[in-house]
Amino acid sequence: MTLKDIARLANCSTATVSRVINNEKGVSEETRAYIQRVIDENGYQPNKQAKGLAEQKTNTLLFVYENTPDNPFFTELIRGAIDGAKEAHQILLFNIICDSYVTDYFLNALRSDQIDGVIVASTGLEETRNFAKMVASEGRHLVLINDPIGELNVPRIYINNDQSAYQATRHLLECGHTRIGHIGGRTTSYPSYQRFEGYSRAMTDAGLRRYVDRYTIMDNTNREEARAAAKKLLAKKNRPTAIFCANDSLAFGVCAAVSDVGLRVPNDVSVVGYDDIAMASTFEPKLTTIHQPIYEMGRRSIQLMLHQTQSGGTGIPESVVLSASLVKRESVRNLL
């Protein structure tokens, strides 16, 4: 009976078995008890090589993200991750959550110790969250970008979406706008929901909570959906004079809607986005938006993962909060 036999019987990786044998952290109590029972029932006697197996590295990492072709966020995020992997001499594999066969392939690669760790960039799709939970249940190294995914106790790198959305809304309020609308992303998306919360909190603090329900449309996933949603807001009596959007792609859709109904940005309707993608500074008019360091988020996620793999994942999981900032351009009119 070998360590690999125990891993096969317990349906987990040899590294997870080795962590149990050496009483290391990174394994849930339920998984630890189950593996120990398999060890006891099969009379397995650990040897000195078991610890060594857990320390072997493949210098291969897996980056998991979602297929959102209308949102350039992931393009910039991946560029940062690739550069971070190059700097650290790591092989970086990618998996778009859309194919169960490919997902099963990577899970099996994890279980056979072909991958050192997994970075998951989630906007809230259930498939992505389930994959992250499976990785965590295997006791493997895991780093999350943005979405805490059920409060998994693993390292995470993120932006304070609530506070930065509050800042964007406050900017509109300080420019004299009161009827401020919101075109949001999916309610299941952690970043999108946090941005709605920041907008809502700023409006409530200003005594304008009544406009939140009247001028908010959530669950927009692309530019055209945002365009259609904005037309609904602009058709209302006492239409909003400003709209804060959950990302820049949605903001571009809103700007198109403003033009569709014969109005102009910012003369008639002010628009604020979120992300500060490359197109935001070349769009006409140039988009006022929240800048988040997307590239740096991708690059730092690699560093955060390597800290885990090199330290064995012991101690309190480290998390990194990156700063976002308001970039004032041409899409907001000052009414004062």
Foldseek 3Di string as FASTA:
>chain_A
DDLVVLLVVLVFALLLLLCLVVVHDLADPVSSVSSVVSCVVVVDDDDPCSNVVNLDALLEEEEEEEDQVQDCLVVLLVLLQVVLSVVVVGHYHYDHPDDVVVLVVVRVCVRHRNHQEYEYEYQQDPSSLVSQVSCSNSSGAYEYEADCSVVPQAAYEYAQLLQLLLVVLVVQVQLPFLLEAEEFAACSGRSRVSSLNNNCVNNVVVVRNVNHVVRYDYHDRFLQSLLVSLLVQVPDDVRGLEYEYSAVRSQVSNQVNCVVVPHHFNVRYFYEHEDCDVCQCVDVVRHWYKHDNSSNSSSVSSVLSVVCSVVVNDDRHHYHYGYIGTDDTGRHHRPD
